Amino acid sequence: MTMKKALLLSLVLILATGLRAEKKVKTSGNPILPEFHADPEVMYSHQTGRFYIYSTTDGAPGWGGYYFTVFSSKDLTDWRHEGIMLDLGTSQVAWATGNAWAPCIEEKRQKDGTYKYYFYFSGHDRERDRKSIGVAVSDSPTGPFVDLGHPLVYDRPEGVRGGQQIDVDVFTDPKTGKSYLYWGNGYMAGAELSEDMTSLVPGTTRVLTPAGGSLKDYAFREGAYVFYREGKYYFLWSVDDTGSPNYHVAYGTSDSPLGPIEVAKDPIVLMQDPEKEIYGPAHNSVLQIPGRDEWYVVYHRINKDYLLPKPNGPGFHRQVCIDRMEFNADGTIRRVQPTQEGVAPLKGKVKDKK
């Protein structure tokens, strides 16, 4: 080999090594948020062009967090702490005394071209001494948010026994523009929201709980999440207890935003991977990149160092993660493989049609 060829070969090897190293570094890693957070809600804001995550602040015994924080990102890999946006430990939410759990948010463009943000959440209802669902409104995805002043949902639907009014989700149907609220622990309920997004349309509440299943596959527990793709409404939910390594995500589909739900033949979306020390990946939200058939699932999992014993709270030490979600040609969801690497930075500009 000539000296010139040897130098060229060396240069190629150096460049290849550098590219491999660069590719390995450029991922979000999992978890994507610092410290302990759970029940993540992800949103893309058409107003700011940024992605946002809202979550339960975790790490306190008895799921005793008082406030919600928000993080933002331009590319899904680098997340910036934007601060506390709602605090149930202050007069900001007069009807609640803590247990700030499992939020969701919807961005709505107003007739004058401005935006409003409707933030739904669970809190411990001071008057009724049980969990209820509230709503707070802002002109910005980071706040300040102003609470409605009273709970939006505080009773179980008619005919339902047991379970709590928690784990709320909000969904706007792209076909009709109507918005819907979903909630429930031990049951799944759904109802149409009024145009002002702060009350339910009377007579529209439905019990949607998928029947059957077991802790091995799809028995409904909590954490409903709804999205729309190619003519179908997808309903995702969590199976088993939030403190169990087996806590996982299952799904079904419907032709309507208020059901009935047909459980998928292969219903598991996301499940633990003990070989990778990944446990209890569930209570998720789903992100579609606007203008693309590109999807991500954002979820929490149990920090492996707090897996056992239970008194130390595997259910109190959860971490927020992100992975790609893909579909088969027939529209079924491919089972997501939870990773330690997370996702690569988002490529290209978001095609924002709004």
Protein backbone atom coordinates (compact mmCIF):
# COMPACT_ATOMS: atom_id res chain seq x y z
CA MET A 1 0.00 0.00 0.00
CA THR A 2 1.34 3.38 -0.96
CA MET A 3 1.78 6.17 1.58
CA LYS A 4 -1.02 8.16 -0.13
CA LYS A 5 -3.47 5.26 0.09
CA ALA A 6 -2.55 4.64 3.72
CA LEU A 7 -3.23 8.28 4.61
CA LEU A 8 -6.56 8.21 2.79
CA LEU A 9 -7.57 5.01 4.61
CA SER A 10 -6.63 6.51 7.96
CA LEU A 11 -8.66 9.63 7.20
CA VAL A 12 -11.71 7.54 6.26
CA LEU A 13 -11.43 5.52 9.51
CA ILE A 14 -11.13 8.69 11.60
CA LEU A 15 -14.19 10.24 9.93
CA ALA A 16 -16.23 7.06 10.32
CA THR A 17 -15.32 6.79 14.02
CA GLY A 18 -16.25 10.42 14.56
CA LEU A 19 -19.60 9.99 12.84
CA ARG A 20 -20.42 6.92 14.93
CA ALA A 21 -19.50 8.76 18.13
CA GLU A 22 -21.57 11.80 17.11
CA LYS A 23 -24.59 9.61 16.32
CA LYS A 24 -24.32 7.85 19.68
CA VAL A 25 -24.21 11.14 21.60
CA LYS A 26 -27.16 12.78 19.84
CA THR A 27 -30.09 11.17 21.60
CA SER A 28 -32.30 12.41 24.39
CA GLY A 29 -31.46 9.57 26.76
CA ASN A 30 -34.11 8.19 29.12
CA PRO A 31 -35.31 9.60 31.43
CA ILE A 32 -35.63 12.98 29.71
CA LEU A 33 -36.60 15.09 32.75
CA PRO A 34 -34.47 15.54 35.89
CA GLU A 35 -35.46 14.09 39.27
CA PHE A 36 -38.84 12.38 39.66
CA HIS A 37 -41.90 13.05 37.49
CA ALA A 38 -44.86 10.94 36.40
CA ASP A 39 -48.05 10.88 34.31
CA PRO A 40 -46.56 13.02 31.52
CA GLU A 41 -48.67 15.05 29.10
CA VAL A 42 -46.88 16.15 25.92
CA MET A 43 -48.11 18.97 23.66
CA TYR A 44 -46.88 20.84 20.60
CA SER A 45 -47.77 24.54 20.71
CA HIS A 46 -48.71 26.15 17.40
CA GLN A 47 -48.27 29.53 19.08
CA THR A 48 -44.64 29.08 20.16
CA GLY A 49 -43.38 26.26 17.92
CA ARG A 50 -42.11 24.36 20.98
CA PHE A 51 -42.97 21.05 22.61
CA TYR A 52 -44.11 20.98 26.25
CA ILE A 53 -44.34 18.32 28.96
CA TYR A 54 -46.57 18.67 32.03
CA SER A 55 -46.41 16.01 34.73
CA THR A 56 -47.10 14.89 38.28
CA THR A 57 -44.24 16.02 40.50
CA ASP A 58 -43.09 12.78 42.12
CA GLY A 59 -40.79 11.67 44.93
CA ALA A 60 -43.06 12.53 47.88
CA PRO A 61 -44.54 9.71 50.02
CA GLY A 62 -48.17 8.94 49.28
CA TRP A 63 -48.05 10.69 45.91
CA GLY A 64 -48.20 13.88 47.94
CA GLY A 65 -46.99 16.46 45.42
CA TYR A 66 -48.60 19.90 45.47
CA TYR A 67 -47.61 21.54 42.20
CA PHE A 68 -47.19 21.08 38.46
CA THR A 69 -44.10 22.12 36.49
CA VAL A 70 -43.64 22.50 32.75
CA PHE A 71 -40.63 21.71 30.54
CA SER A 72 -40.17 22.76 26.91
CA SER A 73 -38.04 21.67 23.96
CA LYS A 74 -37.45 22.57 20.30
CA ASP A 75 -36.20 19.13 19.26
CA LEU A 76 -37.51 16.53 21.81
CA THR A 77 -34.02 15.94 23.23
CA ASP A 78 -33.07 19.04 25.24
CA TRP A 79 -35.77 19.94 27.77
CA ARG A 80 -35.79 23.32 29.54
CA HIS A 81 -37.44 23.80 32.92
CA GLU A 82 -40.03 26.58 32.55
CA GLY A 83 -41.04 26.66 36.22
CA ILE A 84 -44.09 25.91 38.38
CA MET A 85 -47.25 26.70 36.43
CA LEU A 86 -49.91 25.68 38.97
CA ASP A 87 -49.57 25.19 42.74
CA LEU A 88 -52.30 23.41 44.73
CA GLY A 89 -50.48 24.27 47.94
CA THR A 90 -51.39 27.94 47.56
CA SER A 91 -54.53 30.01 47.07
CA GLN A 92 -54.13 29.49 43.31
CA VAL A 93 -56.51 26.50 43.58
CA ALA A 94 -58.76 27.27 46.54
CA TRP A 95 -60.83 24.06 46.37
CA ALA A 96 -57.87 21.63 46.51
CA THR A 97 -55.42 20.69 49.29
CA GLY A 98 -52.77 18.80 47.33
CA ASN A 99 -52.34 15.49 45.48
CA ALA A 100 -51.63 17.33 42.23
CA TRP A 101 -51.90 14.41 39.82
CA ALA A 102 -51.98 13.39 36.18
CA PRO A 103 -52.61 16.57 34.15
CA CYS A 104 -53.50 17.17 30.52
CA ILE A 105 -53.69 20.28 28.37
CA GLU A 106 -55.30 21.50 25.16
CA GLU A 107 -54.28 24.46 23.02
CA LYS A 108 -57.26 26.21 21.37
CA ARG A 109 -57.02 28.92 18.75
CA GLN A 110 -59.59 31.64 19.35
CA LYS A 111 -61.69 33.44 16.72
CA ASP A 112 -59.40 36.49 16.93
CA GLY A 113 -56.30 34.38 16.17
CA THR A 114 -54.98 34.28 19.75
CA TYR A 115 -54.53 31.08 21.75
CA LYS A 116 -55.80 29.81 25.07
CA TYR A 117 -54.57 26.83 27.06
CA TYR A 118 -56.92 24.65 29.10
CA PHE A 119 -55.11 22.67 31.78
CA TYR A 120 -57.02 19.81 33.45
CA PHE A 121 -55.75 18.14 36.62
CA SER A 122 -56.67 16.10 39.69
CA GLY A 123 -56.51 17.41 43.24
CA HIS A 124 -57.81 16.50 46.67
CA ASP A 125 -61.20 18.16 46.98
CA ARG A 126 -61.31 20.08 50.27
CA GLU A 127 -65.12 20.11 50.54
CA ARG A 128 -65.84 16.53 49.47
CA ASP A 129 -62.68 14.92 50.94
CA ARG A 130 -61.94 12.99 47.77
CA LYS A 131 -60.21 13.44 44.44
CA SER A 132 -61.82 15.72 41.88
CA ILE A 133 -60.85 17.17 38.50
CA GLY A 134 -60.29 20.87 37.92
CA VAL A 135 -59.40 23.16 35.03
CA ALA A 136 -57.20 26.26 34.82
CA VAL A 137 -56.83 28.61 31.84
CA SER A 138 -53.94 30.67 30.46
CA ASP A 139 -52.90 32.67 27.38
CA SER A 140 -49.48 30.97 27.46
CA PRO A 141 -48.39 27.31 27.64
CA THR A 142 -46.19 28.20 30.62
CA GLY A 143 -48.78 30.28 32.49
CA PRO A 144 -49.78 31.95 34.64
CA PHE A 145 -52.88 29.74 34.83
CA VAL A 146 -56.13 30.83 36.50
CA ASP A 147 -58.22 28.09 38.11
CA LEU A 148 -61.96 27.91 37.45
CA GLY A 149 -62.58 28.20 41.21
CA HIS A 150 -64.38 24.88 41.65
CA PRO A 151 -64.02 21.30 40.39
CA LEU A 152 -65.21 20.40 36.92
CA VAL A 153 -65.76 16.68 37.71
CA TYR A 154 -66.32 15.43 41.27
CA ASP A 155 -68.79 12.51 41.03
CA ARG A 156 -68.55 9.07 39.48
CA PRO A 157 -70.73 8.48 36.43
CA GLU A 158 -74.10 6.92 37.09
CA GLY A 159 -73.86 3.18 37.67
CA VAL A 160 -70.13 3.18 38.52
CA ARG A 161 -69.07 1.91 41.94
CA GLY A 162 -65.58 2.49 43.24
CA GLY A 163 -62.64 4.23 41.64
CA GLN A 164 -61.47 7.82 41.74
CA GLN A 165 -62.02 10.91 39.61
CA ILE A 166 -58.40 11.17 38.44
CA ASP A 167 -56.20 10.62 35.36
CA VAL A 168 -57.86 13.12 33.08
CA ASP A 169 -57.30 13.40 29.32
CA VAL A 170 -58.56 15.94 26.77
CA PHE A 171 -58.96 15.36 23.03
CA THR A 172 -60.19 17.54 20.16
CA ASP A 173 -61.68 15.64 17.24
CA PRO A 174 -60.04 16.89 14.00
CA LYS A 175 -63.16 15.85 12.05
CA THR A 176 -65.66 17.97 14.00
CA GLY A 177 -63.64 20.38 16.13
CA LYS A 178 -65.50 19.16 19.23
CA SER A 179 -63.47 18.52 22.39
CA TYR A 180 -63.90 15.66 24.84
CA LEU A 181 -62.79 14.90 28.38
CA TYR A 182 -61.87 11.42 29.65
CA TRP A 183 -61.12 10.33 33.21
CA GLY A 184 -61.31 7.52 35.75
CA ASN A 185 -59.44 5.05 37.94
CA GLY A 186 -61.08 1.63 37.93
CA TYR A 187 -63.38 2.87 35.18
CA MET A 188 -63.08 4.99 32.03
CA ALA A 189 -65.58 7.78 31.42
CA GLY A 190 -65.83 10.27 28.58
CA ALA A 191 -67.97 13.34 27.87
CA GLU A 192 -68.19 16.18 25.40
CA LEU A 193 -66.82 19.53 26.56
CA SER A 194 -68.73 22.76 26.08
CA GLU A 195 -67.34 25.39 23.71
CA ASP A 196 -65.77 27.30 26.61
CA MET A 197 -63.88 24.10 27.61
CA THR A 198 -64.80 24.57 31.30
CA SER A 199 -67.97 22.47 31.59
CA LEU A 200 -69.38 19.19 30.26
CA VAL A 201 -72.26 19.08 27.82
CA PRO A 202 -75.22 17.66 29.80
CA GLY A 203 -76.25 14.14 28.85
CA THR A 204 -73.03 13.27 26.97
CA THR A 205 -71.18 11.34 29.71
CA ARG A 206 -70.50 7.72 28.75
CA VAL A 207 -68.85 4.83 30.61
CA LEU A 208 -66.28 3.46 28.15
CA THR A 209 -64.39 0.91 30.27
CA PRO A 210 -63.04 -1.88 28.03
CA ALA A 211 -64.44 -5.18 29.29
CA GLY A 212 -62.35 -8.21 30.20
CA GLY A 213 -58.65 -8.77 30.05
CA SER A 214 -56.19 -9.62 32.80
CA LEU A 215 -53.10 -8.10 34.40
CA LYS A 216 -51.10 -9.91 31.72
CA ASP A 217 -52.72 -8.04 28.85
CA TYR A 218 -55.42 -5.36 28.83
CA ALA A 219 -57.51 -5.22 32.04
CA PHE A 220 -58.30 -1.50 32.41
CA ARG A 221 -56.95 0.34 35.45
CA GLU A 222 -56.47 4.05 34.65
CA GLY A 223 -54.67 6.63 32.53
CA ALA A 224 -56.84 6.87 29.41
CA TYR A 225 -55.33 8.68 26.42
CA VAL A 226 -57.11 9.32 23.09
CA PHE A 227 -55.80 10.30 19.64
CA TYR A 228 -56.94 10.11 16.02
CA ARG A 229 -55.17 8.60 13.01
CA GLU A 230 -56.45 7.77 9.52
CA GLY A 231 -60.14 7.48 10.35
CA LYS A 232 -59.74 5.67 13.69
CA TYR A 233 -59.89 6.86 17.29
CA TYR A 234 -57.22 5.16 19.39
CA PHE A 235 -57.78 4.65 23.12
CA LEU A 236 -54.73 3.83 25.25
CA TRP A 237 -54.82 2.98 28.96
CA SER A 238 -52.69 1.64 31.82
CA VAL A 239 -52.91 -1.90 33.21
CA ASP A 240 -52.10 -2.99 36.80
CA ASP A 241 -50.91 -0.71 39.63
CA THR A 242 -48.60 2.29 39.18
CA GLY A 243 -46.24 0.72 41.74
CA SER A 244 -45.98 -2.59 39.88
CA PRO A 245 -43.13 -3.51 37.52
CA ASN A 246 -45.92 -4.96 35.34
CA TYR A 247 -47.64 -1.57 34.92
CA HIS A 248 -48.05 -1.31 31.15
CA VAL A 249 -50.03 0.23 28.27
CA ALA A 250 -52.80 -1.45 26.26
CA TYR A 251 -55.09 -0.11 23.55
CA GLY A 252 -58.21 -0.42 21.47
CA THR A 253 -59.88 1.57 18.68
CA SER A 254 -63.28 3.03 17.91
CA ASP A 255 -65.19 4.76 15.12
CA SER A 256 -66.31 7.44 17.58
CA PRO A 257 -64.64 9.61 20.24
CA LEU A 258 -67.16 8.23 22.77
CA GLY A 259 -66.81 4.56 21.88
CA PRO A 260 -67.61 1.74 21.97
CA ILE A 261 -63.99 0.55 22.14
CA GLU A 262 -62.82 -2.59 20.36
CA VAL A 263 -59.78 -4.00 22.14
CA ALA A 264 -56.92 -4.76 19.73
CA LYS A 265 -56.09 -8.39 18.99
CA ASP A 266 -52.54 -7.72 20.17
CA PRO A 267 -53.39 -5.03 22.76
CA ILE A 268 -50.05 -4.38 24.48
CA VAL A 269 -48.33 -1.15 23.41
CA LEU A 270 -45.57 -0.82 25.99
CA MET A 271 -44.29 -3.18 28.70
CA GLN A 272 -41.38 -3.67 31.09
CA ASP A 273 -38.01 -5.01 29.92
CA PRO A 274 -36.19 -6.45 32.98
CA GLU A 275 -33.05 -7.20 30.95
CA LYS A 276 -32.66 -3.45 30.41
CA GLU A 277 -33.77 -2.69 34.01
CA ILE A 278 -36.88 -0.93 32.67
CA TYR A 279 -39.92 -1.43 34.90
CA GLY A 280 -43.49 -0.19 34.96
CA PRO A 281 -43.54 1.85 31.72
CA ALA A 282 -47.07 3.24 31.47
CA HIS A 283 -49.37 6.24 31.99
CA ASN A 284 -48.54 7.75 28.66
CA SER A 285 -49.38 10.50 26.24
CA VAL A 286 -48.83 10.46 22.48
CA LEU A 287 -47.29 13.07 20.21
CA GLN A 288 -47.75 13.37 16.46
CA ILE A 289 -45.38 15.74 14.71
CA PRO A 290 -47.70 18.17 12.86
CA GLY A 291 -47.82 17.47 9.14
CA ARG A 292 -46.09 14.08 9.46
CA ASP A 293 -47.02 10.49 10.15
CA GLU A 294 -44.32 10.52 12.84
CA TRP A 295 -45.31 9.53 16.36
CA TYR A 296 -43.80 9.39 19.84
CA VAL A 297 -44.99 7.97 23.14
CA VAL A 298 -44.08 9.84 26.33
CA TYR A 299 -44.50 7.77 29.50
CA HIS A 300 -43.20 7.21 33.00
CA ARG A 301 -41.39 4.22 34.45
CA ILE A 302 -40.24 3.21 37.92
CA ASN A 303 -36.71 4.17 38.93
CA LYS A 304 -34.98 0.80 39.30
CA ASP A 305 -33.30 1.81 42.56
CA TYR A 306 -36.72 2.26 44.20
CA LEU A 307 -38.34 -0.88 42.80
CA LEU A 308 -38.55 -2.55 46.23
CA PRO A 309 -39.43 -2.44 49.08
CA LYS A 310 -42.88 -0.96 48.59
CA PRO A 311 -42.75 1.38 51.65
CA ASN A 312 -40.03 3.35 49.88
CA GLY A 313 -42.44 3.77 47.05
CA PRO A 314 -41.77 2.51 43.55
CA GLY A 315 -44.98 4.39 42.87
CA PHE A 316 -43.39 7.54 44.32
CA HIS A 317 -40.17 7.52 42.28
CA ARG A 318 -41.12 7.60 38.63
CA GLN A 319 -39.26 9.10 35.69
CA VAL A 320 -40.45 10.49 32.35
CA CYS A 321 -39.21 8.86 29.13
CA ILE A 322 -39.79 9.10 25.38
CA ASP A 323 -39.61 6.56 22.54
CA ARG A 324 -40.79 6.28 18.93
CA MET A 325 -44.20 4.74 18.23
CA GLU A 326 -44.92 3.13 14.87
CA PHE A 327 -47.89 1.57 13.08
CA ASN A 328 -48.33 -1.47 10.89
CA ALA A 329 -49.85 -1.16 7.41
CA ASP A 330 -53.28 -2.15 8.78
CA GLY A 331 -53.19 0.64 11.38
CA THR A 332 -52.37 -1.54 14.38
CA ILE A 333 -49.74 -0.24 16.79
CA ARG A 334 -46.37 -1.99 16.79
CA ARG A 335 -45.28 -2.86 20.30
CA VAL A 336 -42.90 -0.15 21.51
CA GLN A 337 -39.51 -1.30 22.77
CA PRO A 338 -38.66 0.96 25.74
CA THR A 339 -35.07 2.18 25.59
CA GLN A 340 -32.38 3.78 27.68
CA GLU A 341 -31.32 5.86 24.66
CA GLY A 342 -34.56 7.73 24.02
CA VAL A 343 -34.87 9.50 20.67
CA ALA A 344 -32.71 11.46 18.24
CA PRO A 345 -33.29 15.20 17.75
CA LEU A 346 -36.26 16.04 15.57
CA LYS A 347 -35.24 16.53 11.94
CA GLY A 348 -36.51 19.33 9.73
CA LYS A 349 -39.00 22.07 10.43
CA VAL A 350 -42.46 21.29 11.73
CA LYS A 351 -45.09 21.90 9.04
CA ASP A 352 -47.50 23.93 11.12
CA LYS A 353 -50.81 24.31 9.28
CA LYS A 354 -52.58 26.31 11.98
